[in-house]
């Protein structure tokens, strides 16, 4: 494939290092150009990413956002990057905090079967729209006090619970959360519960 060819044959050491890191972190993971500034200057990184896009080794999702394509092994079709990956990379790129809205969180946790037509993420950065394939992602500005603190997984749970409401959280919902969260996630959730004051 293109990745193997380039890593074996390119004379540009930065291209090899950049591709190797993307490969190590996994296909489909979204990267901001600033993620690679330890490899060289901003101009050098931007030029290298541009060349890799031109060669077909990686793809550009939007301005300053890149990913190593991933494919469905059965159908042989390319899969779009994960929406949450895009949101978190935008947050990293802009130095802002981003958490899923309640509807997105509830769906991801299996608390709700309703899939939001337009995924909304809350951020203390500016409001913006991003496109991932055919999906439109909205990052909506809210005051920092309206964003839950703690680990991203804990914030996801807090948002999902708040969206569903106290009356909707019974044994079945708790069982779904238990299956969704790893033991480490549960420990972090208990630790981060100090950041919330409601039920």
N, C-alpha and C. Protein backbone atom coordinates (compact mmCIF):
# COMPACT_ATOMS: atom_id res chain seq x y z
N UNK A 1 0.84 -1.19 0.00
CA UNK A 1 0.00 0.00 0.00
C UNK A 1 0.87 1.25 0.00
N UNK A 2 0.24 2.40 -0.11
CA UNK A 2 0.99 3.66 -0.20
C UNK A 2 1.83 3.89 1.04
N UNK A 3 1.25 3.60 2.22
CA UNK A 3 1.98 3.81 3.47
C UNK A 3 3.27 3.00 3.48
N UNK A 4 3.19 1.71 3.16
CA UNK A 4 4.36 0.84 3.17
C UNK A 4 5.40 1.31 2.16
N UNK A 5 4.93 1.68 0.98
CA UNK A 5 5.86 2.13 -0.06
C UNK A 5 6.63 3.36 0.39
N UNK A 6 5.91 4.33 0.95
CA UNK A 6 6.56 5.57 1.34
C UNK A 6 7.52 5.38 2.51
N UNK A 7 7.10 4.60 3.50
CA UNK A 7 7.96 4.42 4.66
C UNK A 7 9.23 3.65 4.29
N UNK A 8 9.16 2.83 3.27
CA UNK A 8 10.33 2.05 2.86
C UNK A 8 11.21 2.81 1.88
N UNK A 9 10.60 3.73 1.07
CA UNK A 9 11.34 4.29 -0.04
C UNK A 9 11.57 5.80 0.02
N UNK A 10 10.82 6.52 0.83
CA UNK A 10 11.01 7.96 0.85
C UNK A 10 12.36 8.32 1.47
N UNK A 11 12.99 9.33 0.86
CA UNK A 11 14.28 9.78 1.38
C UNK A 11 14.09 10.85 2.45
N UNK A 12 12.86 11.29 2.65
CA UNK A 12 12.58 12.36 3.61
C UNK A 12 12.36 11.75 4.99
N UNK A 13 13.29 11.96 5.92
CA UNK A 13 13.15 11.35 7.25
C UNK A 13 11.92 11.85 8.00
N UNK A 14 11.53 13.13 7.78
CA UNK A 14 10.34 13.62 8.48
C UNK A 14 9.09 12.90 8.00
N UNK A 15 9.00 12.62 6.71
CA UNK A 15 7.85 11.88 6.21
C UNK A 15 7.78 10.50 6.86
N UNK A 16 8.92 9.85 6.96
CA UNK A 16 8.96 8.51 7.57
C UNK A 16 8.52 8.57 9.04
N UNK A 17 9.05 9.56 9.77
CA UNK A 17 8.71 9.68 11.19
C UNK A 17 7.24 10.01 11.39
N UNK A 18 6.74 10.92 10.56
CA UNK A 18 5.35 11.34 10.70
C UNK A 18 4.40 10.18 10.37
N UNK A 19 4.69 9.47 9.30
CA UNK A 19 3.85 8.33 8.92
C UNK A 19 3.92 7.22 9.97
N UNK A 20 5.11 7.00 10.50
CA UNK A 20 5.27 5.95 11.51
C UNK A 20 4.45 6.28 12.75
N UNK A 21 4.43 7.55 13.14
CA UNK A 21 3.65 7.94 14.31
C UNK A 21 2.16 7.77 14.04
N UNK A 22 1.71 8.20 12.89
CA UNK A 22 0.29 8.04 12.54
C UNK A 22 -0.09 6.56 12.55
N UNK A 23 0.79 5.75 11.99
CA UNK A 23 0.52 4.31 11.94
C UNK A 23 0.44 3.73 13.35
N UNK A 24 1.34 4.17 14.23
CA UNK A 24 1.38 3.67 15.60
C UNK A 24 0.12 4.05 16.37
N UNK A 25 -0.38 5.25 16.12
CA UNK A 25 -1.56 5.74 16.82
C UNK A 25 -2.86 5.18 16.24
N UNK A 26 -2.78 4.65 15.03
CA UNK A 26 -3.95 3.97 14.48
C UNK A 26 -4.61 4.68 13.32
N UNK A 27 -5.03 3.90 12.33
CA UNK A 27 -5.74 4.45 11.18
C UNK A 27 -7.06 5.05 11.65
N UNK A 28 -7.44 6.15 11.03
CA UNK A 28 -8.70 6.80 11.37
C UNK A 28 -8.57 7.84 12.46
N UNK A 29 -7.46 7.83 13.19
CA UNK A 29 -7.27 8.84 14.24
C UNK A 29 -6.96 10.18 13.57
N UNK A 30 -7.59 11.23 14.07
CA UNK A 30 -7.44 12.55 13.47
C UNK A 30 -6.33 13.32 14.19
N UNK A 31 -5.48 13.96 13.41
CA UNK A 31 -4.33 14.69 13.96
C UNK A 31 -4.39 16.15 13.53
N UNK A 32 -3.93 17.02 14.39
CA UNK A 32 -3.72 18.43 14.04
C UNK A 32 -2.25 18.60 13.67
N UNK A 33 -1.97 19.53 12.79
CA UNK A 33 -0.58 19.72 12.39
C UNK A 33 0.31 20.06 13.59
N UNK A 34 -0.25 20.72 14.61
CA UNK A 34 0.55 21.09 15.78
C UNK A 34 0.97 19.86 16.58
N UNK A 35 0.34 18.70 16.34
CA UNK A 35 0.71 17.47 17.05
C UNK A 35 2.11 17.00 16.67
N UNK A 36 2.65 17.52 15.56
CA UNK A 36 3.93 17.02 15.05
C UNK A 36 5.04 18.06 15.14
N UNK A 37 4.82 19.12 15.90
CA UNK A 37 5.82 20.19 15.95
C UNK A 37 7.11 19.77 16.66
N UNK A 38 7.08 18.63 17.36
CA UNK A 38 8.32 18.13 17.96
C UNK A 38 9.25 17.54 16.89
N UNK A 39 8.73 17.34 15.69
CA UNK A 39 9.53 16.77 14.60
C UNK A 39 10.22 17.83 13.75
N UNK A 40 9.78 19.08 13.87
CA UNK A 40 10.37 20.14 13.06
C UNK A 40 9.59 21.43 13.21
N UNK A 41 9.99 22.43 12.42
CA UNK A 41 9.32 23.73 12.47
C UNK A 41 7.91 23.62 11.91
N UNK A 42 7.10 24.64 12.15
CA UNK A 42 5.72 24.64 11.65
C UNK A 42 5.69 24.56 10.13
N UNK A 43 6.56 25.33 9.48
CA UNK A 43 6.59 25.31 8.02
C UNK A 43 6.99 23.93 7.50
N UNK A 44 7.98 23.31 8.13
CA UNK A 44 8.44 22.00 7.68
C UNK A 44 7.36 20.95 7.86
N UNK A 45 6.66 21.01 9.00
CA UNK A 45 5.58 20.05 9.26
C UNK A 45 4.46 20.24 8.25
N UNK A 46 4.06 21.50 8.01
CA UNK A 46 2.97 21.77 7.07
C UNK A 46 3.33 21.30 5.66
N UNK A 47 4.57 21.54 5.25
CA UNK A 47 5.00 21.11 3.92
C UNK A 47 5.01 19.60 3.81
N UNK A 48 5.46 18.92 4.87
CA UNK A 48 5.51 17.46 4.85
C UNK A 48 4.10 16.88 4.77
N UNK A 49 3.18 17.43 5.57
CA UNK A 49 1.80 16.95 5.54
C UNK A 49 1.19 17.18 4.17
N UNK A 50 1.48 18.32 3.56
CA UNK A 50 0.95 18.62 2.24
C UNK A 50 1.45 17.62 1.20
N UNK A 51 2.73 17.29 1.28
CA UNK A 51 3.30 16.30 0.35
C UNK A 51 2.67 14.93 0.55
N UNK A 52 2.45 14.55 1.80
CA UNK A 52 1.86 13.25 2.07
C UNK A 52 0.42 13.18 1.57
N UNK A 53 -0.29 14.30 1.68
CA UNK A 53 -1.65 14.34 1.12
C UNK A 53 -1.58 14.19 -0.40
N UNK A 54 -0.64 14.90 -1.01
CA UNK A 54 -0.48 14.82 -2.46
C UNK A 54 -0.14 13.43 -2.96
N UNK A 55 0.61 12.69 -2.15
CA UNK A 55 1.00 11.33 -2.55
C UNK A 55 -0.10 10.31 -2.29
N UNK A 56 -1.12 10.71 -1.52
CA UNK A 56 -2.20 9.78 -1.21
C UNK A 56 -1.96 8.95 0.03
N UNK A 57 -0.85 9.22 0.75
CA UNK A 57 -0.55 8.44 1.95
C UNK A 57 -1.49 8.78 3.09
N UNK A 58 -1.86 10.05 3.19
CA UNK A 58 -2.79 10.49 4.23
C UNK A 58 -3.86 11.36 3.58
N UNK A 59 -4.86 11.73 4.35
CA UNK A 59 -5.93 12.58 3.82
C UNK A 59 -6.11 13.80 4.70
N UNK A 60 -6.54 14.89 4.06
CA UNK A 60 -6.83 16.12 4.78
C UNK A 60 -8.33 16.17 5.05
N UNK A 61 -8.68 16.32 6.32
CA UNK A 61 -10.09 16.39 6.69
C UNK A 61 -10.60 17.82 6.62
N UNK A 62 -9.75 18.74 6.97
CA UNK A 62 -10.08 20.17 6.97
C UNK A 62 -8.80 20.92 7.19
N UNK A 63 -8.89 22.21 7.34
CA UNK A 63 -7.69 23.00 7.53
C UNK A 63 -6.95 22.58 8.79
N UNK A 64 -5.71 22.09 8.60
CA UNK A 64 -4.89 21.68 9.73
C UNK A 64 -5.28 20.37 10.36
N UNK A 65 -6.15 19.58 9.72
CA UNK A 65 -6.60 18.28 10.26
C UNK A 65 -6.30 17.18 9.25
N UNK A 66 -5.66 16.11 9.73
CA UNK A 66 -5.23 15.03 8.83
C UNK A 66 -5.49 13.67 9.48
N UNK A 67 -5.58 12.64 8.63
CA UNK A 67 -5.74 11.29 9.15
C UNK A 67 -5.21 10.26 8.17
N UNK A 68 -4.81 9.13 8.71
CA UNK A 68 -4.40 7.97 7.92
C UNK A 68 -5.66 7.17 7.64
N UNK A 69 -6.04 6.97 6.38
CA UNK A 69 -7.32 6.32 6.07
C UNK A 69 -7.42 4.91 6.67
N UNK A 70 -8.64 4.54 7.04
CA UNK A 70 -8.92 3.19 7.49
C UNK A 70 -10.02 2.62 6.61
N UNK A 71 -10.04 1.28 6.48
CA UNK A 71 -10.96 0.64 5.56
C UNK A 71 -11.71 -0.50 6.23
N UNK A 72 -12.93 -0.73 5.78
CA UNK A 72 -13.69 -1.89 6.20
C UNK A 72 -13.09 -3.10 5.51
N UNK A 73 -12.53 -4.08 6.26
CA UNK A 73 -11.84 -5.20 5.63
C UNK A 73 -12.77 -6.10 4.80
N UNK A 74 -14.05 -6.11 5.14
CA UNK A 74 -14.99 -6.95 4.40
C UNK A 74 -15.46 -6.30 3.11
N UNK A 75 -15.85 -5.03 3.22
CA UNK A 75 -16.38 -4.33 2.06
C UNK A 75 -15.30 -3.61 1.24
N UNK A 76 -14.14 -3.39 1.87
CA UNK A 76 -13.05 -2.72 1.17
C UNK A 76 -13.30 -1.25 0.92
N UNK A 77 -14.19 -0.64 1.71
CA UNK A 77 -14.48 0.78 1.53
C UNK A 77 -13.85 1.58 2.66
N UNK A 78 -13.54 2.84 2.35
CA UNK A 78 -12.93 3.69 3.36
C UNK A 78 -13.98 4.14 4.38
N UNK A 79 -13.58 4.15 5.65
CA UNK A 79 -14.46 4.57 6.73
C UNK A 79 -14.10 5.99 7.16
N UNK A 80 -15.11 6.79 7.41
CA UNK A 80 -14.87 8.17 7.85
C UNK A 80 -14.31 8.15 9.27
N UNK A 81 -13.50 9.13 9.64
CA UNK A 81 -12.98 9.21 11.01
C UNK A 81 -14.13 9.34 12.01
N UNK A 82 -13.88 8.91 13.23
CA UNK A 82 -14.87 9.00 14.30
C UNK A 82 -15.15 10.47 14.62
N UNK A 83 -16.45 10.79 14.79
CA UNK A 83 -16.86 12.16 15.06
C UNK A 83 -16.20 12.70 16.34
N UNK A 84 -16.15 11.86 17.38
CA UNK A 84 -15.56 12.30 18.64
C UNK A 84 -14.08 12.62 18.48
N UNK A 85 -13.40 11.84 17.62
CA UNK A 85 -11.99 12.11 17.33
C UNK A 85 -11.82 13.50 16.73
N UNK A 86 -12.71 13.84 15.81
CA UNK A 86 -12.64 15.15 15.17
C UNK A 86 -12.84 16.26 16.19
N UNK A 87 -13.85 16.10 17.05
CA UNK A 87 -14.14 17.11 18.05
C UNK A 87 -12.97 17.31 19.00
N UNK A 88 -12.38 16.20 19.46
CA UNK A 88 -11.26 16.31 20.40
C UNK A 88 -10.02 16.90 19.75
N UNK A 89 -9.81 16.60 18.47
CA UNK A 89 -8.66 17.16 17.77
C UNK A 89 -8.84 18.66 17.56
N UNK A 90 -10.06 19.08 17.24
CA UNK A 90 -10.34 20.51 17.11
C UNK A 90 -10.08 21.23 18.44
N UNK A 91 -10.45 20.56 19.53
CA UNK A 91 -10.20 21.15 20.85
C UNK A 91 -8.70 21.29 21.10
N UNK A 92 -7.97 20.26 20.76
CA UNK A 92 -6.51 20.29 20.96
C UNK A 92 -5.87 21.35 20.07
N UNK A 93 -6.38 21.47 18.87
CA UNK A 93 -5.84 22.44 17.91
C UNK A 93 -6.04 23.87 18.38
N UNK A 94 -7.20 24.14 18.99
CA UNK A 94 -7.54 25.50 19.39
C UNK A 94 -7.27 25.79 20.86
N UNK A 95 -6.83 24.76 21.61
CA UNK A 95 -6.57 24.96 23.04
C UNK A 95 -7.83 25.17 23.84
N UNK A 96 -8.93 24.58 23.40
CA UNK A 96 -10.20 24.74 24.10
C UNK A 96 -10.66 23.39 24.65
N UNK A 97 -11.69 23.43 25.48
CA UNK A 97 -12.29 22.20 26.00
C UNK A 97 -13.53 21.87 25.18
N UNK A 98 -13.74 20.59 24.93
CA UNK A 98 -14.89 20.13 24.16
C UNK A 98 -15.48 18.91 24.82
N UNK A 99 -16.79 18.89 25.02
CA UNK A 99 -17.48 17.71 25.54
C UNK A 99 -18.73 17.47 24.71
N UNK A 100 -19.17 16.21 24.58
CA UNK A 100 -20.38 15.94 23.81
C UNK A 100 -21.60 16.58 24.49
N UNK A 101 -22.56 17.01 23.68
CA UNK A 101 -23.82 17.47 24.25
C UNK A 101 -24.53 16.28 24.88
N UNK A 102 -25.58 16.57 25.65
CA UNK A 102 -26.28 15.49 26.34
C UNK A 102 -26.84 14.44 25.40
N UNK A 103 -27.40 14.86 24.26
CA UNK A 103 -27.98 13.91 23.31
C UNK A 103 -26.92 13.00 22.72
N UNK A 104 -25.77 13.57 22.36
CA UNK A 104 -24.67 12.77 21.81
C UNK A 104 -24.15 11.80 22.86
N UNK A 105 -23.96 12.28 24.08
CA UNK A 105 -23.44 11.44 25.17
C UNK A 105 -24.38 10.28 25.47
N UNK A 106 -25.68 10.56 25.56
CA UNK A 106 -26.65 9.51 25.87
C UNK A 106 -26.66 8.43 24.80
N UNK A 107 -26.55 8.83 23.55
CA UNK A 107 -26.52 7.85 22.46
C UNK A 107 -25.26 7.01 22.50
N UNK A 108 -24.11 7.65 22.73
CA UNK A 108 -22.85 6.92 22.75
C UNK A 108 -22.77 5.93 23.92
N UNK A 109 -23.43 6.26 25.01
CA UNK A 109 -23.42 5.38 26.18
C UNK A 109 -24.50 4.30 26.14
N UNK A 110 -25.34 4.33 25.11
CA UNK A 110 -26.41 3.35 25.01
C UNK A 110 -27.61 3.67 25.88
N UNK A 111 -27.67 4.88 26.43
CA UNK A 111 -28.80 5.28 27.25
C UNK A 111 -29.99 5.72 26.39
N UNK A 112 -29.70 6.10 25.15
CA UNK A 112 -30.74 6.52 24.22
C UNK A 112 -30.43 5.93 22.85
N UNK A 113 -31.48 5.52 22.15
CA UNK A 113 -31.30 4.96 20.80
C UNK A 113 -31.43 6.03 19.72
N UNK A 114 -31.77 7.23 20.12
CA UNK A 114 -31.93 8.31 19.15
C UNK A 114 -30.57 8.85 18.73
N UNK A 115 -30.34 8.85 17.42
CA UNK A 115 -29.09 9.36 16.88
C UNK A 115 -29.30 10.81 16.45
N UNK A 116 -28.59 11.75 17.07
CA UNK A 116 -28.78 13.17 16.69
C UNK A 116 -28.47 13.38 15.21
N UNK A 117 -29.37 14.08 14.52
CA UNK A 117 -29.17 14.35 13.09
C UNK A 117 -27.91 15.18 12.87
N UNK A 118 -27.66 16.13 13.76
CA UNK A 118 -26.44 16.94 13.71
C UNK A 118 -25.77 16.85 15.07
N UNK A 119 -24.68 16.07 15.17
CA UNK A 119 -23.99 15.95 16.46
C UNK A 119 -23.53 17.32 16.97
N UNK A 120 -23.85 17.60 18.23
CA UNK A 120 -23.47 18.88 18.83
C UNK A 120 -22.51 18.62 19.98
N UNK A 121 -21.41 19.35 19.98
CA UNK A 121 -20.44 19.32 21.08
C UNK A 121 -20.38 20.71 21.69
N UNK A 122 -20.21 20.76 22.98
CA UNK A 122 -20.12 22.04 23.69
C UNK A 122 -18.66 22.40 23.90
N UNK A 123 -18.33 23.65 23.77
CA UNK A 123 -16.94 24.08 23.88
C UNK A 123 -16.86 25.46 24.52
N UNK A 124 -15.73 25.72 25.19
CA UNK A 124 -15.49 27.08 25.70
C UNK A 124 -14.75 27.91 24.65
N UNK A 125 -14.50 27.30 23.48
CA UNK A 125 -13.93 28.03 22.34
C UNK A 125 -15.05 28.63 21.50
N UNK A 126 -14.71 29.04 20.30
CA UNK A 126 -15.72 29.68 19.46
C UNK A 126 -16.62 28.64 18.80
N UNK A 127 -17.82 29.07 18.46
CA UNK A 127 -18.76 28.21 17.74
C UNK A 127 -18.25 28.00 16.32
N UNK A 128 -18.30 26.77 15.85
CA UNK A 128 -17.85 26.47 14.49
C UNK A 128 -18.53 25.21 13.99
N UNK A 129 -18.50 25.00 12.69
CA UNK A 129 -19.07 23.81 12.06
C UNK A 129 -17.95 23.07 11.35
N UNK A 130 -17.93 21.75 11.51
CA UNK A 130 -16.97 20.90 10.81
C UNK A 130 -17.73 19.81 10.07
N UNK A 131 -17.19 19.38 8.95
CA UNK A 131 -17.82 18.32 8.17
C UNK A 131 -16.93 17.08 8.17
N UNK A 132 -17.53 15.93 8.45
CA UNK A 132 -16.83 14.65 8.43
C UNK A 132 -17.60 13.75 7.47
N UNK A 133 -17.10 13.65 6.24
CA UNK A 133 -17.86 12.93 5.24
C UNK A 133 -19.17 13.64 4.99
N UNK A 134 -20.29 12.95 5.20
CA UNK A 134 -21.61 13.54 5.00
C UNK A 134 -22.19 14.08 6.31
N UNK A 135 -21.45 13.93 7.41
CA UNK A 135 -21.94 14.36 8.71
C UNK A 135 -21.46 15.77 9.03
N UNK A 136 -22.38 16.61 9.50
CA UNK A 136 -22.04 17.97 9.92
C UNK A 136 -21.95 17.99 11.43
N UNK A 137 -20.83 18.45 11.94
CA UNK A 137 -20.57 18.51 13.37
C UNK A 137 -20.59 19.96 13.83
N UNK A 138 -21.38 20.25 14.86
CA UNK A 138 -21.46 21.61 15.40
C UNK A 138 -20.76 21.69 16.74
N UNK A 139 -19.80 22.59 16.86
CA UNK A 139 -19.19 22.91 18.14
C UNK A 139 -19.81 24.23 18.61
N UNK A 140 -20.54 24.17 19.71
CA UNK A 140 -21.32 25.31 20.19
C UNK A 140 -20.67 25.91 21.43
N UNK A 141 -20.41 27.20 21.38
CA UNK A 141 -19.80 27.88 22.53
C UNK A 141 -20.77 27.96 23.71
N UNK A 142 -20.26 27.63 24.89
CA UNK A 142 -21.01 27.80 26.13
C UNK A 142 -20.04 28.36 27.17
N UNK A 143 -20.55 28.98 28.24
CA UNK A 143 -19.66 29.46 29.30
C UNK A 143 -18.89 28.28 29.92
N UNK A 144 -17.64 28.49 30.32
CA UNK A 144 -16.84 27.40 30.90
C UNK A 144 -17.53 26.70 32.06
N UNK A 145 -18.34 27.42 32.84
CA UNK A 145 -19.01 26.80 33.98
C UNK A 145 -20.02 25.74 33.57
N UNK A 146 -20.45 25.76 32.28
CA UNK A 146 -21.43 24.79 31.81
C UNK A 146 -20.79 23.51 31.28
N UNK A 147 -19.47 23.45 31.32
CA UNK A 147 -18.77 22.24 30.87
C UNK A 147 -18.35 21.42 32.08
N UNK A 148 -18.68 20.12 32.10
CA UNK A 148 -18.27 19.28 33.23
C UNK A 148 -16.76 19.09 33.25
N UNK A 149 -16.20 19.02 34.47
CA UNK A 149 -14.76 18.81 34.62
C UNK A 149 -14.47 17.33 34.81
N UNK A 150 -13.19 17.02 34.83
CA UNK A 150 -12.78 15.64 35.02
C UNK A 150 -12.35 14.98 33.72
N UNK A 151 -12.13 13.68 33.79
CA UNK A 151 -11.70 12.89 32.63
C UNK A 151 -12.78 12.95 31.55
N UNK A 152 -12.39 12.91 30.26
CA UNK A 152 -13.39 12.96 29.18
C UNK A 152 -14.48 11.91 29.28
N UNK A 153 -14.14 10.71 29.74
CA UNK A 153 -15.16 9.67 29.89
C UNK A 153 -16.14 10.03 31.00
N UNK A 154 -15.64 10.59 32.08
CA UNK A 154 -16.51 11.03 33.16
C UNK A 154 -17.44 12.13 32.68
N UNK A 155 -16.89 13.08 31.93
CA UNK A 155 -17.70 14.18 31.39
C UNK A 155 -18.80 13.63 30.48
N UNK A 156 -18.46 12.61 29.71
CA UNK A 156 -19.44 11.96 28.83
C UNK A 156 -20.60 11.40 29.65
N UNK A 157 -20.27 10.71 30.75
CA UNK A 157 -21.30 10.11 31.61
C UNK A 157 -22.15 11.19 32.26
N UNK A 158 -21.52 12.24 32.78
CA UNK A 158 -22.28 13.31 33.43
C UNK A 158 -23.25 13.97 32.44
N UNK A 159 -22.79 14.18 31.21
CA UNK A 159 -23.65 14.79 30.20
C UNK A 159 -24.83 13.88 29.85
N UNK A 160 -24.54 12.57 29.71
CA UNK A 160 -25.60 11.62 29.38
C UNK A 160 -26.64 11.51 30.48
N UNK A 161 -26.19 11.48 31.73
CA UNK A 161 -27.12 11.38 32.86
C UNK A 161 -27.98 12.63 32.97
N UNK A 162 -27.35 13.79 32.79
CA UNK A 162 -28.08 15.04 32.88
C UNK A 162 -29.15 15.13 31.79
N UNK A 163 -28.80 14.67 30.60
CA UNK A 163 -29.75 14.71 29.48
C UNK A 163 -30.94 13.79 29.72
N UNK A 164 -30.67 12.58 30.23
CA UNK A 164 -31.75 11.61 30.42
C UNK A 164 -32.66 12.01 31.58
N UNK A 165 -32.09 12.60 32.63
CA UNK A 165 -32.88 13.00 33.78
C UNK A 165 -32.93 11.92 34.84
N UNK A 166 -33.10 12.34 36.08
CA UNK A 166 -33.06 11.42 37.21
C UNK A 166 -34.07 10.28 37.10
N UNK A 167 -35.27 10.58 36.64
CA UNK A 167 -36.33 9.57 36.60
C UNK A 167 -36.05 8.47 35.58
N UNK A 168 -35.19 8.76 34.59
CA UNK A 168 -34.90 7.76 33.55
C UNK A 168 -33.74 6.85 33.91
N UNK A 169 -33.07 7.12 35.02
CA UNK A 169 -31.89 6.34 35.40
C UNK A 169 -32.29 5.30 36.44
N UNK A 170 -32.53 4.08 35.92
CA UNK A 170 -32.88 2.96 36.79
C UNK A 170 -31.85 1.85 36.66
N UNK A 171 -32.23 0.65 37.06
CA UNK A 171 -31.30 -0.48 37.04
C UNK A 171 -30.78 -0.78 35.64
N UNK A 172 -31.68 -0.69 34.63
CA UNK A 172 -31.25 -1.00 33.27
C UNK A 172 -30.21 -0.02 32.77
N UNK A 173 -30.44 1.27 33.02
CA UNK A 173 -29.48 2.29 32.59
C UNK A 173 -28.14 2.11 33.30
N UNK A 174 -28.19 1.80 34.57
CA UNK A 174 -26.95 1.59 35.32
C UNK A 174 -26.19 0.38 34.80
N UNK A 175 -26.93 -0.68 34.43
CA UNK A 175 -26.29 -1.88 33.87
C UNK A 175 -25.61 -1.57 32.55
N UNK A 176 -26.25 -0.73 31.73
CA UNK A 176 -25.64 -0.35 30.46
C UNK A 176 -24.37 0.45 30.68
N UNK A 177 -24.41 1.36 31.63
CA UNK A 177 -23.20 2.12 31.94
C UNK A 177 -22.09 1.21 32.46
N UNK A 178 -22.46 0.26 33.28
CA UNK A 178 -21.47 -0.66 33.84
C UNK A 178 -20.78 -1.45 32.73
N UNK A 179 -21.57 -1.87 31.73
CA UNK A 179 -20.99 -2.63 30.61
C UNK A 179 -20.12 -1.73 29.73
N UNK A 180 -20.50 -0.47 29.63
CA UNK A 180 -19.78 0.45 28.74
C UNK A 180 -18.45 0.91 29.33
N UNK A 181 -18.38 1.02 30.67
CA UNK A 181 -17.20 1.58 31.32
C UNK A 181 -16.26 0.49 31.80
N UNK A 182 -14.98 0.71 31.58
CA UNK A 182 -13.97 -0.20 32.09
C UNK A 182 -13.80 0.03 33.59
N UNK A 183 -13.14 -0.89 34.31
CA UNK A 183 -12.87 -0.65 35.73
C UNK A 183 -12.13 0.66 35.98
N UNK A 184 -11.20 1.00 35.09
CA UNK A 184 -10.46 2.26 35.24
C UNK A 184 -11.40 3.45 35.05
N UNK A 185 -12.33 3.34 34.08
CA UNK A 185 -13.30 4.40 33.86
C UNK A 185 -14.17 4.61 35.10
N UNK A 186 -14.57 3.51 35.72
CA UNK A 186 -15.43 3.60 36.91
C UNK A 186 -14.70 4.27 38.06
N UNK A 187 -13.44 3.92 38.23
CA UNK A 187 -12.65 4.54 39.31
C UNK A 187 -12.52 6.05 39.07
N UNK A 188 -12.26 6.43 37.80
CA UNK A 188 -12.16 7.86 37.49
C UNK A 188 -13.49 8.56 37.70
N UNK A 189 -14.59 7.86 37.38
CA UNK A 189 -15.92 8.46 37.53
C UNK A 189 -16.20 8.77 39.00
N UNK A 190 -15.85 7.85 39.89
CA UNK A 190 -16.05 8.10 41.32
C UNK A 190 -15.19 9.27 41.80
N UNK A 191 -13.98 9.34 41.28
CA UNK A 191 -13.08 10.43 41.66
C UNK A 191 -13.60 11.77 41.15
N UNK A 192 -14.10 11.78 39.89
CA UNK A 192 -14.56 13.02 39.28
C UNK A 192 -15.94 13.45 39.77
N UNK A 193 -16.63 12.57 40.48
CA UNK A 193 -17.98 12.91 40.97
C UNK A 193 -17.93 14.12 41.92
N UNK A 194 -16.75 14.44 42.43
CA UNK A 194 -16.66 15.60 43.33
C UNK A 194 -16.92 16.91 42.59
N UNK A 195 -16.85 16.86 41.24
CA UNK A 195 -17.08 18.06 40.46
C UNK A 195 -18.57 18.36 40.23
N UNK A 196 -19.43 17.40 40.54
CA UNK A 196 -20.86 17.62 40.30
C UNK A 196 -21.58 17.77 41.63
N UNK A 197 -22.63 18.57 41.65
CA UNK A 197 -23.32 18.85 42.90
C UNK A 197 -24.77 18.36 42.87
N UNK A 198 -25.27 17.96 41.69
CA UNK A 198 -26.65 17.51 41.59
C UNK A 198 -26.73 16.03 41.90
N UNK A 199 -27.90 15.44 41.69
CA UNK A 199 -28.09 14.02 41.98
C UNK A 199 -27.11 13.16 41.23
